[in-house]
């Protein structure tokens, strides 16, 4: 057993089982909230990446169309 585990065992020694159950429930709730936040951040990051990719593709298409117009003797927009 490492020192960290031993320290935690000593810290909780003599604590009522009900208090341990409450502490575990609070930890489980905190982990659930952290997981939900991580999922939301992942969703937002992926959405922003898709929007950036779409914008980049539109810019590249515009630049290619613009070069074709200029090459064909047309005017730039």
N, C-alpha and C. Protein backbone atom coordinates (compact mmCIF):
# COMPACT_ATOMS: atom_id res chain seq x y z
N UNK A 1 0.86 -1.18 0.00
CA UNK A 1 0.00 0.00 0.00
C UNK A 1 0.90 1.24 0.00
N UNK A 2 0.59 2.18 -0.85
CA UNK A 2 1.44 3.37 -0.91
C UNK A 2 1.04 4.38 0.17
N UNK A 3 1.86 5.38 0.34
CA UNK A 3 1.64 6.37 1.41
C UNK A 3 0.35 7.15 1.24
N UNK A 4 -0.03 7.40 0.00
CA UNK A 4 -1.26 8.16 -0.25
C UNK A 4 -2.48 7.39 0.25
N UNK A 5 -2.53 6.11 -0.08
CA UNK A 5 -3.66 5.28 0.37
C UNK A 5 -3.65 5.15 1.88
N UNK A 6 -2.50 4.94 2.45
CA UNK A 6 -2.41 4.83 3.90
C UNK A 6 -2.86 6.12 4.57
N UNK A 7 -2.49 7.24 4.00
CA UNK A 7 -2.91 8.53 4.55
C UNK A 7 -4.42 8.70 4.49
N UNK A 8 -5.01 8.28 3.38
CA UNK A 8 -6.47 8.38 3.26
C UNK A 8 -7.17 7.47 4.26
N UNK A 9 -6.63 6.27 4.45
CA UNK A 9 -7.22 5.35 5.43
C UNK A 9 -7.14 5.95 6.83
N UNK A 10 -5.99 6.52 7.17
CA UNK A 10 -5.84 7.14 8.49
C UNK A 10 -6.79 8.32 8.65
N UNK A 11 -6.97 9.08 7.58
CA UNK A 11 -7.84 10.25 7.63
C UNK A 11 -9.29 9.85 7.90
N UNK A 12 -9.72 8.75 7.33
CA UNK A 12 -11.12 8.33 7.47
C UNK A 12 -11.33 7.35 8.63
N UNK A 13 -10.29 7.02 9.35
CA UNK A 13 -10.41 6.08 10.46
C UNK A 13 -11.33 6.65 11.54
N UNK A 14 -12.27 5.85 11.99
CA UNK A 14 -13.19 6.27 13.03
C UNK A 14 -14.39 7.05 12.53
N UNK A 15 -14.49 7.29 11.24
CA UNK A 15 -15.62 8.03 10.67
C UNK A 15 -16.80 7.07 10.53
N UNK A 16 -17.98 7.59 10.78
CA UNK A 16 -19.19 6.77 10.68
C UNK A 16 -19.39 6.31 9.23
N UNK A 17 -19.87 5.08 9.06
CA UNK A 17 -20.10 4.57 7.70
C UNK A 17 -21.05 5.46 6.88
N UNK A 18 -22.02 6.07 7.55
CA UNK A 18 -22.95 6.95 6.86
C UNK A 18 -22.20 8.14 6.22
N UNK A 19 -21.22 8.64 6.94
CA UNK A 19 -20.42 9.75 6.41
C UNK A 19 -19.60 9.32 5.20
N UNK A 20 -19.10 8.08 5.24
CA UNK A 20 -18.35 7.57 4.09
C UNK A 20 -19.27 7.42 2.88
N UNK A 21 -20.50 6.95 3.12
CA UNK A 21 -21.45 6.80 2.03
C UNK A 21 -21.77 8.16 1.43
N UNK A 22 -21.99 9.15 2.27
CA UNK A 22 -22.27 10.51 1.78
C UNK A 22 -21.09 11.04 0.98
N UNK A 23 -19.89 10.82 1.48
CA UNK A 23 -18.69 11.29 0.77
C UNK A 23 -18.57 10.62 -0.60
N UNK A 24 -18.85 9.33 -0.66
CA UNK A 24 -18.79 8.61 -1.94
C UNK A 24 -19.87 9.09 -2.89
N UNK A 25 -21.06 9.39 -2.37
CA UNK A 25 -22.13 9.91 -3.21
C UNK A 25 -21.77 11.29 -3.76
N UNK A 26 -21.17 12.12 -2.92
CA UNK A 26 -20.75 13.44 -3.37
C UNK A 26 -19.67 13.33 -4.44
N UNK A 27 -18.75 12.38 -4.25
CA UNK A 27 -17.70 12.18 -5.24
C UNK A 27 -18.32 11.70 -6.56
N UNK A 28 -19.25 10.77 -6.48
CA UNK A 28 -19.90 10.27 -7.69
C UNK A 28 -20.64 11.39 -8.41
N UNK A 29 -21.32 12.26 -7.67
CA UNK A 29 -22.04 13.39 -8.27
C UNK A 29 -21.07 14.36 -8.93
N UNK A 30 -19.96 14.62 -8.25
CA UNK A 30 -18.95 15.53 -8.82
C UNK A 30 -18.37 14.94 -10.10
N UNK A 31 -18.10 13.65 -10.11
CA UNK A 31 -17.57 13.00 -11.32
C UNK A 31 -18.58 13.05 -12.46
N UNK A 32 -19.86 12.88 -12.13
CA UNK A 32 -20.92 12.96 -13.14
C UNK A 32 -20.96 14.36 -13.75
N UNK A 33 -20.88 15.38 -12.90
CA UNK A 33 -20.91 16.76 -13.39
C UNK A 33 -19.68 17.07 -14.25
N UNK A 34 -18.52 16.58 -13.84
CA UNK A 34 -17.30 16.78 -14.62
C UNK A 34 -17.42 16.11 -15.98
N UNK A 35 -17.97 14.90 -15.99
CA UNK A 35 -18.16 14.18 -17.24
C UNK A 35 -19.11 14.93 -18.17
N UNK A 36 -20.20 15.46 -17.63
CA UNK A 36 -21.15 16.22 -18.44
C UNK A 36 -20.50 17.48 -19.02
N UNK A 37 -19.69 18.16 -18.22
CA UNK A 37 -19.00 19.35 -18.69
C UNK A 37 -18.01 18.97 -19.80
N UNK A 38 -17.29 17.87 -19.61
CA UNK A 38 -16.35 17.42 -20.64
C UNK A 38 -17.08 17.10 -21.95
N UNK A 39 -18.24 16.45 -21.86
CA UNK A 39 -19.02 16.14 -23.06
C UNK A 39 -19.45 17.43 -23.76
N UNK A 40 -19.90 18.41 -22.98
CA UNK A 40 -20.33 19.68 -23.56
C UNK A 40 -19.17 20.40 -24.24
N UNK A 41 -18.02 20.42 -23.59
CA UNK A 41 -16.85 21.05 -24.18
C UNK A 41 -16.41 20.33 -25.45
N UNK A 42 -16.49 19.02 -25.44
CA UNK A 42 -16.14 18.23 -26.62
C UNK A 42 -17.09 18.56 -27.77
N UNK A 43 -18.38 18.63 -27.46
CA UNK A 43 -19.37 18.96 -28.48
C UNK A 43 -19.10 20.34 -29.07
N UNK A 44 -18.86 21.32 -28.21
CA UNK A 44 -18.61 22.69 -28.67
C UNK A 44 -17.32 22.76 -29.51
N UNK A 45 -16.29 22.05 -29.08
CA UNK A 45 -15.03 22.03 -29.84
C UNK A 45 -15.24 21.43 -31.23
N UNK A 46 -15.96 20.29 -31.27
CA UNK A 46 -16.20 19.63 -32.55
C UNK A 46 -17.06 20.51 -33.47
N UNK A 47 -18.05 21.18 -32.91
CA UNK A 47 -18.89 22.07 -33.70
C UNK A 47 -18.06 23.22 -34.27
N UNK A 48 -17.23 23.81 -33.44
CA UNK A 48 -16.37 24.91 -33.90
C UNK A 48 -15.42 24.43 -34.99
N UNK A 49 -14.89 23.22 -34.86
CA UNK A 49 -13.99 22.68 -35.87
C UNK A 49 -14.73 22.46 -37.19
N UNK A 50 -15.95 21.93 -37.12
CA UNK A 50 -16.73 21.73 -38.35
C UNK A 50 -17.04 23.06 -39.02
N UNK A 51 -17.40 24.07 -38.22
CA UNK A 51 -17.69 25.40 -38.78
C UNK A 51 -16.43 26.00 -39.42
N UNK A 52 -15.29 25.83 -38.76
CA UNK A 52 -14.04 26.35 -39.31
C UNK A 52 -13.68 25.64 -40.61
N UNK A 53 -13.86 24.33 -40.65
CA UNK A 53 -13.58 23.57 -41.87
C UNK A 53 -14.49 24.01 -43.00
N UNK A 54 -15.76 24.23 -42.69
CA UNK A 54 -16.72 24.68 -43.70
C UNK A 54 -16.32 26.06 -44.23
N UNK A 55 -15.97 26.97 -43.33
CA UNK A 55 -15.56 28.32 -43.74
C UNK A 55 -14.30 28.26 -44.59
N UNK A 56 -13.34 27.43 -44.18
CA UNK A 56 -12.10 27.30 -44.93
C UNK A 56 -12.38 26.77 -46.33
N UNK A 57 -13.25 25.77 -46.43
CA UNK A 57 -13.59 25.22 -47.74
C UNK A 57 -14.25 26.28 -48.63
N UNK A 58 -15.13 27.11 -48.05
CA UNK A 58 -15.77 28.18 -48.81
C UNK A 58 -14.75 29.20 -49.28
N UNK A 59 -13.77 29.53 -48.43
CA UNK A 59 -12.74 30.50 -48.82
C UNK A 59 -11.89 29.95 -49.96
N UNK A 60 -11.51 28.68 -49.86
CA UNK A 60 -10.69 28.08 -50.91
C UNK A 60 -11.48 28.05 -52.21
N UNK A 61 -12.77 27.67 -52.15
CA UNK A 61 -13.61 27.65 -53.35
C UNK A 61 -13.71 29.05 -53.95
N UNK A 62 -13.92 30.07 -53.10
CA UNK A 62 -14.01 31.45 -53.60
C UNK A 62 -12.71 31.85 -54.29
N UNK A 63 -11.58 31.52 -53.68
CA UNK A 63 -10.29 31.88 -54.27
C UNK A 63 -10.09 31.18 -55.62
N UNK A 64 -10.48 29.93 -55.71
CA UNK A 64 -10.34 29.20 -56.96
C UNK A 64 -11.26 29.80 -58.03
N UNK A 65 -12.50 30.10 -57.66
CA UNK A 65 -13.43 30.72 -58.61
C UNK A 65 -12.91 32.08 -59.07
N UNK A 66 -12.35 32.83 -58.15
CA UNK A 66 -11.81 34.16 -58.47
C UNK A 66 -10.65 34.03 -59.46
N UNK A 67 -9.77 33.08 -59.25
CA UNK A 67 -8.64 32.88 -60.16
C UNK A 67 -9.14 32.47 -61.55
N UNK A 68 -10.16 31.63 -61.59
CA UNK A 68 -10.72 31.21 -62.88
C UNK A 68 -11.30 32.41 -63.62
N UNK A 69 -12.03 33.27 -62.89
CA UNK A 69 -12.62 34.46 -63.52
C UNK A 69 -11.53 35.37 -64.08
N UNK A 70 -10.50 35.62 -63.28
CA UNK A 70 -9.41 36.49 -63.72
C UNK A 70 -8.67 35.88 -64.91
N UNK A 71 -8.46 34.59 -64.86
CA UNK A 71 -7.75 33.90 -65.94
C UNK A 71 -8.57 33.93 -67.23
N UNK A 72 -9.89 33.89 -67.08
CA UNK A 72 -10.76 33.90 -68.26
C UNK A 72 -10.98 35.34 -68.75
N UNK A 73 -10.41 36.31 -68.09
CA UNK A 73 -10.55 37.69 -68.51
C UNK A 73 -11.71 38.41 -67.88
N UNK A 74 -12.31 37.82 -66.88
CA UNK A 74 -13.43 38.45 -66.19
C UNK A 74 -12.94 39.42 -65.14
N UNK A 75 -13.88 40.07 -64.51
CA UNK A 75 -13.54 41.02 -63.46
C UNK A 75 -13.64 40.35 -62.10
N UNK A 76 -12.87 40.87 -61.19
CA UNK A 76 -12.89 40.38 -59.82
C UNK A 76 -14.10 40.95 -59.11
N UNK A 77 -14.65 40.19 -58.18
CA UNK A 77 -15.81 40.68 -57.40
C UNK A 77 -15.39 41.70 -56.37
